[in-house]
Amino acid sequence: MVRQIERRALRDIAAEMRSHTAQSKDDAWYDKVKWQALCEQIDVCGQDAGADEYQNAALKFAQYGGNAMYPALGLCEEAGEVAGKVAKFIRHNGGMDPDKAQLEFGHAMKGEIAEFRESLKKELGDVCWMVAALAAEFGLTLGDVMNSNIEKLAGRAERGTIDGQGDNR
């Protein structure tokens, strides 16, 4: 019960922060202090989080009511946004990936590539959030999911089936 109240309070603070626009320097300072306090409660902002720590922190922002359909469908949407960003980058740069584009066009591309990577990082973060929420809906931790995936890939590598098709290879 205490955990639910704490999660609700954190969600309320985050929602208030998202909807509030600073009207003055004092408001901006207050917003920064409030955001820092929220991050301290979550205890992962500004540092690298392990998979399970990330999942626990990310779920404090959940506002979908515990229906597994939301993160399942949201994962599809967010993955589509990632694919769209990559496709547009490739189209805009003559079929080249970011590293080739920077080699080809040099320093002029550096800012555009940095902007693309920052945008991609945000979308990939949204994908991570949806994966974390979906895993939690079925009682899985991200650490368990990730370790299971590594075990599966290692088994395929041992059997020489890493480049084959199908789940049970």
N, C-alpha and C. Protein backbone atom coordinates (compact mmCIF):
# COMPACT_ATOMS: atom_id res chain seq x y z
N MET A 1 0.83 -1.20 0.00
CA MET A 1 0.00 0.00 0.00
C MET A 1 0.87 1.26 0.00
N VAL A 2 1.92 1.27 0.83
CA VAL A 2 2.82 2.42 0.88
C VAL A 2 3.49 2.60 -0.47
N ARG A 3 3.90 1.48 -1.10
CA ARG A 3 4.55 1.53 -2.41
C ARG A 3 3.63 2.18 -3.45
N GLN A 4 2.32 1.82 -3.42
CA GLN A 4 1.37 2.40 -4.37
C GLN A 4 1.23 3.90 -4.16
N ILE A 5 1.16 4.33 -2.91
CA ILE A 5 1.05 5.75 -2.62
C ILE A 5 2.30 6.48 -3.09
N GLU A 6 3.48 5.88 -2.82
CA GLU A 6 4.75 6.49 -3.25
C GLU A 6 4.82 6.57 -4.77
N ARG A 7 4.43 5.51 -5.47
CA ARG A 7 4.44 5.53 -6.93
C ARG A 7 3.48 6.58 -7.47
N ARG A 8 2.30 6.68 -6.85
CA ARG A 8 1.32 7.66 -7.29
C ARG A 8 1.86 9.07 -7.07
N ALA A 9 2.52 9.32 -5.95
CA ALA A 9 3.08 10.64 -5.67
C ALA A 9 4.16 10.99 -6.69
N LEU A 10 5.01 10.04 -7.02
CA LEU A 10 6.05 10.28 -8.03
C LEU A 10 5.43 10.55 -9.39
N ARG A 11 4.39 9.79 -9.75
CA ARG A 11 3.72 10.02 -11.03
C ARG A 11 3.08 11.41 -11.06
N ASP A 12 2.47 11.80 -9.94
CA ASP A 12 1.85 13.13 -9.88
C ASP A 12 2.88 14.23 -10.04
N ILE A 13 4.04 14.08 -9.39
CA ILE A 13 5.10 15.08 -9.52
C ILE A 13 5.58 15.13 -10.96
N ALA A 14 5.81 13.97 -11.56
CA ALA A 14 6.29 13.93 -12.95
C ALA A 14 5.26 14.56 -13.89
N ALA A 15 3.97 14.25 -13.68
CA ALA A 15 2.93 14.83 -14.54
C ALA A 15 2.87 16.34 -14.36
N GLU A 16 3.00 16.80 -13.13
CA GLU A 16 3.00 18.25 -12.88
C GLU A 16 4.20 18.90 -13.56
N MET A 17 5.35 18.24 -13.49
CA MET A 17 6.56 18.79 -14.11
C MET A 17 6.38 18.89 -15.63
N ARG A 18 5.75 17.88 -16.23
CA ARG A 18 5.56 17.90 -17.67
C ARG A 18 4.59 18.99 -18.10
N SER A 19 3.58 19.26 -17.28
CA SER A 19 2.56 20.22 -17.68
C SER A 19 2.89 21.66 -17.28
N HIS A 20 3.87 21.84 -16.42
CA HIS A 20 4.19 23.17 -15.91
C HIS A 20 5.21 23.87 -16.80
N THR A 21 4.95 25.12 -17.13
CA THR A 21 5.89 25.93 -17.88
C THR A 21 6.39 27.03 -16.96
N ALA A 22 7.70 27.14 -16.84
CA ALA A 22 8.28 28.16 -15.97
C ALA A 22 7.92 29.55 -16.47
N GLN A 23 7.44 30.39 -15.55
CA GLN A 23 7.04 31.76 -15.89
C GLN A 23 8.14 32.76 -15.57
N SER A 24 9.08 32.38 -14.70
CA SER A 24 10.15 33.29 -14.31
C SER A 24 11.39 32.50 -13.98
N LYS A 25 12.48 33.22 -13.67
CA LYS A 25 13.71 32.55 -13.25
C LYS A 25 13.48 31.75 -11.98
N ASP A 26 12.69 32.31 -11.05
CA ASP A 26 12.41 31.60 -9.80
C ASP A 26 11.65 30.32 -10.07
N ASP A 27 10.69 30.35 -10.99
CA ASP A 27 9.94 29.15 -11.36
C ASP A 27 10.88 28.11 -11.97
N ALA A 28 11.77 28.55 -12.84
CA ALA A 28 12.72 27.63 -13.48
C ALA A 28 13.61 26.98 -12.44
N TRP A 29 14.07 27.77 -11.46
CA TRP A 29 14.90 27.21 -10.40
C TRP A 29 14.11 26.21 -9.59
N TYR A 30 12.87 26.57 -9.25
CA TYR A 30 12.00 25.67 -8.48
C TYR A 30 11.79 24.36 -9.23
N ASP A 31 11.53 24.46 -10.55
CA ASP A 31 11.33 23.26 -11.37
C ASP A 31 12.56 22.37 -11.33
N LYS A 32 13.74 22.98 -11.43
CA LYS A 32 14.98 22.20 -11.42
C LYS A 32 15.16 21.49 -10.08
N VAL A 33 14.90 22.20 -9.00
CA VAL A 33 15.02 21.61 -7.66
C VAL A 33 14.02 20.47 -7.49
N LYS A 34 12.79 20.69 -7.95
CA LYS A 34 11.76 19.66 -7.83
C LYS A 34 12.13 18.43 -8.66
N TRP A 35 12.63 18.66 -9.87
CA TRP A 35 13.04 17.55 -10.73
C TRP A 35 14.19 16.78 -10.10
N GLN A 36 15.16 17.47 -9.52
CA GLN A 36 16.28 16.80 -8.86
C GLN A 36 15.78 15.95 -7.69
N ALA A 37 14.81 16.48 -6.94
CA ALA A 37 14.25 15.73 -5.82
C ALA A 37 13.57 14.45 -6.33
N LEU A 38 12.85 14.56 -7.45
CA LEU A 38 12.21 13.39 -8.03
C LEU A 38 13.27 12.37 -8.44
N CYS A 39 14.33 12.83 -9.08
CA CYS A 39 15.40 11.93 -9.50
C CYS A 39 16.06 11.23 -8.32
N GLU A 40 16.22 11.96 -7.22
CA GLU A 40 16.82 11.35 -6.03
C GLU A 40 15.92 10.25 -5.48
N GLN A 41 14.60 10.46 -5.54
CA GLN A 41 13.69 9.42 -5.08
C GLN A 41 13.76 8.20 -5.98
N ILE A 42 13.94 8.43 -7.26
CA ILE A 42 14.04 7.32 -8.21
C ILE A 42 15.40 6.67 -8.10
N ASP A 43 16.42 7.47 -7.82
CA ASP A 43 17.78 7.01 -7.52
C ASP A 43 18.51 6.41 -8.71
N VAL A 44 18.23 6.83 -9.94
CA VAL A 44 19.06 6.41 -11.05
C VAL A 44 19.37 7.53 -12.02
N CYS A 45 18.73 8.68 -11.90
CA CYS A 45 18.97 9.76 -12.86
C CYS A 45 20.43 10.18 -12.81
N GLY A 46 21.00 10.38 -14.00
CA GLY A 46 22.36 10.87 -14.09
C GLY A 46 23.42 9.81 -13.88
N GLN A 47 23.04 8.56 -13.77
CA GLN A 47 24.04 7.51 -13.64
C GLN A 47 23.59 6.30 -14.46
N ASP A 48 24.53 5.44 -14.77
CA ASP A 48 24.18 4.24 -15.52
C ASP A 48 23.45 3.29 -14.59
N ALA A 49 22.30 2.85 -15.02
CA ALA A 49 21.50 1.93 -14.22
C ALA A 49 21.64 0.53 -14.79
N GLY A 50 21.65 -0.46 -13.91
CA GLY A 50 21.57 -1.84 -14.36
C GLY A 50 20.17 -2.09 -14.88
N ALA A 51 19.98 -3.22 -15.53
CA ALA A 51 18.69 -3.51 -16.15
C ALA A 51 17.54 -3.50 -15.14
N ASP A 52 17.72 -4.18 -14.02
CA ASP A 52 16.64 -4.26 -13.05
C ASP A 52 16.41 -2.91 -12.36
N GLU A 53 17.49 -2.18 -12.10
CA GLU A 53 17.35 -0.85 -11.51
C GLU A 53 16.61 0.08 -12.47
N TYR A 54 16.96 -0.01 -13.76
CA TYR A 54 16.26 0.79 -14.76
C TYR A 54 14.77 0.45 -14.76
N GLN A 55 14.47 -0.84 -14.77
CA GLN A 55 13.08 -1.27 -14.81
C GLN A 55 12.30 -0.74 -13.61
N ASN A 56 12.87 -0.85 -12.43
CA ASN A 56 12.19 -0.37 -11.23
C ASN A 56 11.97 1.14 -11.29
N ALA A 57 12.96 1.88 -11.75
CA ALA A 57 12.83 3.34 -11.85
C ALA A 57 11.83 3.72 -12.93
N ALA A 58 11.90 3.09 -14.07
CA ALA A 58 11.03 3.43 -15.20
C ALA A 58 9.56 3.17 -14.86
N LEU A 59 9.31 2.10 -14.14
CA LEU A 59 7.91 1.75 -13.83
C LEU A 59 7.26 2.72 -12.86
N LYS A 60 8.07 3.54 -12.20
CA LYS A 60 7.48 4.55 -11.31
C LYS A 60 6.72 5.60 -12.10
N PHE A 61 6.93 5.65 -13.41
CA PHE A 61 6.23 6.62 -14.26
C PHE A 61 5.03 6.00 -14.99
N ALA A 62 4.76 4.73 -14.72
CA ALA A 62 3.67 4.03 -15.40
C ALA A 62 2.32 4.65 -15.04
N GLN A 63 1.52 4.90 -16.07
CA GLN A 63 0.19 5.49 -15.85
C GLN A 63 -0.86 4.81 -16.73
N TYR A 64 -0.70 3.54 -17.00
CA TYR A 64 -1.61 2.89 -17.95
C TYR A 64 -2.56 1.89 -17.30
N GLY A 65 -2.51 1.71 -16.01
CA GLY A 65 -3.50 0.88 -15.34
C GLY A 65 -3.23 -0.61 -15.32
N GLY A 66 -2.04 -1.04 -15.68
CA GLY A 66 -1.69 -2.44 -15.55
C GLY A 66 -2.23 -3.37 -16.61
N ASN A 67 -2.66 -2.88 -17.75
CA ASN A 67 -3.13 -3.72 -18.84
C ASN A 67 -1.94 -4.00 -19.78
N ALA A 68 -1.58 -5.26 -19.94
CA ALA A 68 -0.41 -5.63 -20.73
C ALA A 68 -0.52 -5.22 -22.20
N MET A 69 -1.72 -4.96 -22.67
CA MET A 69 -1.87 -4.55 -24.06
C MET A 69 -1.19 -3.20 -24.32
N TYR A 70 -1.21 -2.31 -23.33
CA TYR A 70 -0.62 -0.99 -23.53
C TYR A 70 0.88 -1.07 -23.85
N PRO A 71 1.70 -1.72 -23.01
CA PRO A 71 3.12 -1.78 -23.38
C PRO A 71 3.38 -2.66 -24.61
N ALA A 72 2.56 -3.66 -24.86
CA ALA A 72 2.75 -4.50 -26.04
C ALA A 72 2.54 -3.68 -27.32
N LEU A 73 1.45 -2.94 -27.35
CA LEU A 73 1.18 -2.10 -28.53
C LEU A 73 2.11 -0.90 -28.58
N GLY A 74 2.43 -0.35 -27.41
CA GLY A 74 3.37 0.78 -27.35
C GLY A 74 4.74 0.39 -27.86
N LEU A 75 5.16 -0.84 -27.59
CA LEU A 75 6.45 -1.33 -28.08
C LEU A 75 6.47 -1.32 -29.61
N CYS A 76 5.39 -1.76 -30.21
CA CYS A 76 5.29 -1.74 -31.67
C CYS A 76 5.39 -0.31 -32.20
N GLU A 77 4.68 0.60 -31.56
CA GLU A 77 4.70 2.00 -31.98
C GLU A 77 6.10 2.60 -31.85
N GLU A 78 6.73 2.39 -30.71
CA GLU A 78 8.06 2.98 -30.48
C GLU A 78 9.11 2.37 -31.40
N ALA A 79 9.03 1.06 -31.63
CA ALA A 79 9.98 0.42 -32.56
C ALA A 79 9.79 0.99 -33.96
N GLY A 80 8.55 1.26 -34.33
CA GLY A 80 8.27 1.89 -35.62
C GLY A 80 8.87 3.28 -35.72
N GLU A 81 8.83 4.04 -34.62
CA GLU A 81 9.43 5.37 -34.61
C GLU A 81 10.95 5.29 -34.79
N VAL A 82 11.58 4.30 -34.16
CA VAL A 82 13.03 4.10 -34.34
C VAL A 82 13.33 3.78 -35.80
N ALA A 83 12.58 2.84 -36.35
CA ALA A 83 12.79 2.46 -37.75
C ALA A 83 12.58 3.65 -38.68
N GLY A 84 11.58 4.46 -38.41
CA GLY A 84 11.31 5.64 -39.23
C GLY A 84 12.45 6.64 -39.19
N LYS A 85 13.00 6.88 -38.02
CA LYS A 85 14.13 7.82 -37.90
C LYS A 85 15.34 7.32 -38.68
N VAL A 86 15.63 6.03 -38.55
CA VAL A 86 16.78 5.46 -39.27
C VAL A 86 16.54 5.52 -40.77
N ALA A 87 15.34 5.17 -41.21
CA ALA A 87 15.03 5.19 -42.65
C ALA A 87 15.16 6.61 -43.21
N LYS A 88 14.66 7.60 -42.47
CA LYS A 88 14.76 8.98 -42.95
C LYS A 88 16.21 9.46 -42.99
N PHE A 89 17.01 9.04 -42.02
CA PHE A 89 18.42 9.42 -42.05
C PHE A 89 19.09 8.83 -43.29
N ILE A 90 18.83 7.57 -43.55
CA ILE A 90 19.44 6.90 -44.71
C ILE A 90 18.97 7.56 -46.01
N ARG A 91 17.67 7.82 -46.11
CA ARG A 91 17.14 8.48 -47.31
C ARG A 91 17.76 9.86 -47.50
N HIS A 92 17.85 10.61 -46.43
CA HIS A 92 18.38 11.97 -46.50
C HIS A 92 19.87 12.00 -46.84
N ASN A 93 20.57 10.92 -46.58
CA ASN A 93 22.02 10.90 -46.77
C ASN A 93 22.46 9.90 -47.84
N GLY A 94 21.65 9.76 -48.85
CA GLY A 94 22.04 8.95 -50.01
C GLY A 94 22.29 7.49 -49.71
N GLY A 95 21.56 6.92 -48.76
CA GLY A 95 21.68 5.50 -48.47
C GLY A 95 22.79 5.15 -47.50
N MET A 96 23.41 6.15 -46.91
CA MET A 96 24.54 5.87 -46.02
C MET A 96 24.13 5.85 -44.55
N ASP A 97 24.82 5.00 -43.79
CA ASP A 97 24.62 5.02 -42.35
C ASP A 97 25.41 6.20 -41.77
N PRO A 98 25.20 6.56 -40.51
CA PRO A 98 25.84 7.75 -39.95
C PRO A 98 27.36 7.78 -40.08
N ASP A 99 28.04 6.66 -39.83
CA ASP A 99 29.51 6.66 -39.91
C ASP A 99 29.99 6.89 -41.34
N LYS A 100 29.37 6.24 -42.32
CA LYS A 100 29.76 6.45 -43.72
C LYS A 100 29.45 7.86 -44.17
N ALA A 101 28.31 8.40 -43.73
CA ALA A 101 27.95 9.76 -44.11
C ALA A 101 28.96 10.76 -43.58
N GLN A 102 29.42 10.57 -42.35
CA GLN A 102 30.40 11.49 -41.79
C GLN A 102 31.73 11.38 -42.53
N LEU A 103 32.13 10.17 -42.88
CA LEU A 103 33.37 10.00 -43.66
C LEU A 103 33.24 10.66 -45.03
N GLU A 104 32.10 10.50 -45.66
CA GLU A 104 31.89 11.04 -47.00
C GLU A 104 31.81 12.56 -47.02
N PHE A 105 31.02 13.10 -46.09
CA PHE A 105 30.76 14.54 -46.12
C PHE A 105 31.56 15.32 -45.10
N GLY A 106 32.31 14.62 -44.25
CA GLY A 106 33.22 15.29 -43.32
C GLY A 106 32.53 16.05 -42.21
N HIS A 107 33.20 17.13 -41.79
CA HIS A 107 32.80 17.91 -40.63
C HIS A 107 31.39 18.49 -40.77
N ALA A 108 30.97 18.75 -41.98
CA ALA A 108 29.64 19.35 -42.20
C ALA A 108 28.53 18.45 -41.65
N MET A 109 28.77 17.16 -41.59
CA MET A 109 27.75 16.21 -41.11
C MET A 109 27.77 16.02 -39.60
N LYS A 110 28.83 16.46 -38.94
CA LYS A 110 29.01 16.15 -37.53
C LYS A 110 27.82 16.58 -36.67
N GLY A 111 27.33 17.81 -36.85
CA GLY A 111 26.19 18.29 -36.07
C GLY A 111 24.91 17.52 -36.38
N GLU A 112 24.69 17.24 -37.65
CA GLU A 112 23.49 16.50 -38.03
C GLU A 112 23.51 15.09 -37.46
N ILE A 113 24.67 14.47 -37.48
CA ILE A 113 24.78 13.11 -36.95
C ILE A 113 24.60 13.11 -35.44
N ALA A 114 25.18 14.09 -34.76
CA ALA A 114 25.00 14.19 -33.31
C ALA A 114 23.52 14.39 -32.97
N GLU A 115 22.83 15.21 -33.73
CA GLU A 115 21.40 15.45 -33.51
C GLU A 115 20.60 14.16 -33.75
N PHE A 116 20.96 13.46 -34.83
CA PHE A 116 20.29 12.19 -35.13
C PHE A 116 20.49 11.19 -34.00
N ARG A 117 21.72 11.06 -33.53
CA ARG A 117 22.01 10.09 -32.47
C ARG A 117 21.26 10.44 -31.18
N GLU A 118 21.18 11.72 -30.85
CA GLU A 118 20.46 12.14 -29.65
C GLU A 118 18.97 11.81 -29.79
N SER A 119 18.41 12.08 -30.95
CA SER A 119 17.00 11.77 -31.22
C SER A 119 16.76 10.26 -31.16
N LEU A 120 17.66 9.50 -31.74
CA LEU A 120 17.55 8.05 -31.73
C LEU A 120 17.65 7.51 -30.30
N LYS A 121 18.55 8.09 -29.52
CA LYS A 121 18.71 7.67 -28.12
C LYS A 121 17.39 7.83 -27.36
N LYS A 122 16.69 8.93 -27.60
CA LYS A 122 15.42 9.15 -26.91
C LYS A 122 14.37 8.12 -27.33
N GLU A 123 14.32 7.83 -28.62
CA GLU A 123 13.35 6.83 -29.09
C GLU A 123 13.69 5.43 -28.58
N LEU A 124 14.97 5.10 -28.57
CA LEU A 124 15.38 3.80 -28.03
C LEU A 124 15.05 3.71 -26.55
N GLY A 125 15.14 4.83 -25.85
CA GLY A 125 14.73 4.86 -24.44
C GLY A 125 13.25 4.54 -24.29
N ASP A 126 12.43 5.06 -25.21
CA ASP A 126 11.00 4.74 -25.18
C ASP A 126 10.77 3.25 -25.43
N VAL A 127 11.55 2.66 -26.33
CA VAL A 127 11.46 1.22 -26.58
C VAL A 127 11.82 0.47 -25.29
N CYS A 128 12.89 0.90 -24.63
CA CYS A 128 13.30 0.25 -23.38
C CYS A 128 12.20 0.32 -22.33
N TRP A 129 11.54 1.47 -22.23
CA TRP A 129 10.48 1.63 -21.25
C TRP A 129 9.35 0.64 -21.52
N MET A 130 8.97 0.53 -22.78
CA MET A 130 7.88 -0.39 -23.12
C MET A 130 8.27 -1.84 -22.86
N VAL A 131 9.51 -2.21 -23.15
CA VAL A 131 9.98 -3.57 -22.87
C VAL A 131 9.96 -3.81 -21.36
N ALA A 132 10.43 -2.83 -20.59
CA ALA A 132 10.45 -2.97 -19.13
C ALA A 132 9.04 -3.16 -18.58
N ALA A 133 8.10 -2.36 -19.08
CA ALA A 133 6.71 -2.45 -18.61
C ALA A 133 6.07 -3.77 -19.01
N LEU A 134 6.30 -4.19 -20.24
CA LEU A 134 5.72 -5.45 -20.71
C LEU A 134 6.29 -6.63 -19.92
N ALA A 135 7.59 -6.64 -19.70
CA ALA A 135 8.20 -7.71 -18.91
C ALA A 135 7.59 -7.75 -17.51
N ALA A 136 7.45 -6.59 -16.89
CA ALA A 136 6.91 -6.53 -15.53
C ALA A 136 5.47 -7.05 -15.48
N GLU A 137 4.69 -6.78 -16.52
CA GLU A 137 3.30 -7.26 -16.54
C GLU A 137 3.23 -8.79 -16.46
N PHE A 138 4.30 -9.46 -16.90
CA PHE A 138 4.32 -10.92 -16.88
C PHE A 138 5.30 -11.47 -15.85
N GLY A 139 5.66 -10.61 -14.88
CA GLY A 139 6.49 -11.06 -13.76
C GLY A 139 7.94 -11.31 -14.11
N LEU A 140 8.43 -10.67 -15.14
CA LEU A 140 9.82 -10.86 -15.57
C LEU A 140 10.63 -9.60 -15.27
N THR A 141 11.88 -9.79 -14.91
CA THR A 141 12.77 -8.64 -14.77
C THR A 141 13.57 -8.50 -16.06
N LEU A 142 14.02 -7.29 -16.33
CA LEU A 142 14.85 -7.09 -17.53
C LEU A 142 16.14 -7.89 -17.45
N GLY A 143 16.69 -7.99 -16.25
CA GLY A 143 17.90 -8.79 -16.08
C GLY A 143 17.68 -10.24 -16.50
N ASP A 144 16.56 -10.82 -16.09
CA ASP A 144 16.23 -12.20 -16.47
C ASP A 144 16.06 -12.31 -17.98
N VAL A 145 15.35 -11.36 -18.57
CA VAL A 145 15.12 -11.37 -20.02
C VAL A 145 16.45 -11.30 -20.77
N MET A 146 17.30 -10.38 -20.34
CA MET A 146 18.58 -10.19 -21.03
C MET A 146 19.50 -11.41 -20.86
N ASN A 147 19.55 -11.96 -19.64
CA ASN A 147 20.39 -13.15 -19.42
C ASN A 147 19.88 -14.34 -20.22
N SER A 148 18.58 -14.51 -20.28
CA SER A 148 17.99 -15.60 -21.06
C SER A 148 18.35 -15.46 -22.53
N ASN A 149 18.34 -14.23 -23.03
CA ASN A 149 18.67 -13.99 -24.43
C ASN A 149 20.14 -14.34 -24.71
N ILE A 150 21.03 -13.96 -23.82
CA ILE A 150 22.45 -14.29 -23.99
C ILE A 150 22.66 -15.81 -23.96
N GLU A 151 21.97 -16.49 -23.05
CA GLU A 151 22.06 -17.96 -22.99
C GLU A 151 21.57 -18.58 -24.29
N LYS A 152 20.48 -18.07 -24.83
CA LYS A 152 19.93 -18.58 -26.09
C LYS A 152 20.93 -18.38 -27.22
N LEU A 153 21.49 -17.17 -27.30
CA LEU A 153 22.45 -16.87 -28.38
C LEU A 153 23.72 -17.71 -28.24
N ALA A 154 24.19 -17.90 -27.01
CA ALA A 154 25.39 -18.72 -26.79
C ALA A 154 25.13 -20.17 -27.22
N GLY A 155 23.93 -20.69 -26.90
CA GLY A 155 23.57 -22.05 -27.32
C GLY A 155 23.54 -22.17 -28.84
N ARG A 156 23.00 -21.17 -29.50
CA ARG A 156 22.97 -21.18 -30.97
C ARG A 156 24.37 -21.12 -31.54
N ALA A 157 25.22 -20.32 -30.93
CA ALA A 157 26.60 -20.22 -31.41
C ALA A 157 27.31 -21.57 -31.27
N GLU A 158 27.09 -22.25 -30.15
CA GLU A 158 27.70 -23.57 -29.93
C GLU A 158 27.22 -24.58 -30.97
N ARG A 159 25.95 -24.50 -31.35
CA ARG A 159 25.38 -25.43 -32.32
C ARG A 159 25.61 -24.99 -33.76
N GLY A 160 26.17 -23.80 -33.95
CA GLY A 160 26.41 -23.29 -35.29
C GLY A 160 25.13 -22.86 -36.00
N THR A 161 24.12 -22.46 -35.23
CA THR A 161 22.83 -22.09 -35.83
C THR A 161 22.49 -20.62 -35.60
N ILE A 162 23.48 -19.81 -35.29
CA ILE A 162 23.20 -18.41 -34.97
C ILE A 162 22.60 -17.67 -36.15
N ASP A 163 22.94 -18.06 -37.36
CA ASP A 163 22.41 -17.35 -38.53
C ASP A 163 21.25 -18.09 -39.20
N GLY A 164 20.70 -19.07 -38.54
CA GLY A 164 19.57 -19.80 -39.10
C GLY A 164 18.27 -19.07 -38.85
N GLN A 165 17.16 -19.78 -39.03
CA GLN A 165 15.84 -19.20 -38.82
C GLN A 165 15.05 -20.03 -37.84
N GLY A 166 14.08 -19.40 -37.20
CA GLY A 166 13.19 -20.09 -36.27
C GLY A 166 13.65 -19.93 -34.83
N ASP A 167 12.72 -20.11 -33.90
CA ASP A 167 13.02 -19.94 -32.48
C ASP A 167 13.84 -21.07 -31.90
N ASN A 168 13.57 -22.29 -32.33
CA ASN A 168 14.24 -23.47 -31.73
C ASN A 168 15.33 -24.02 -32.63
N ARG A 169 16.37 -23.25 -32.84
CA ARG A 169 17.45 -23.75 -33.71
C ARG A 169 18.69 -24.05 -32.91
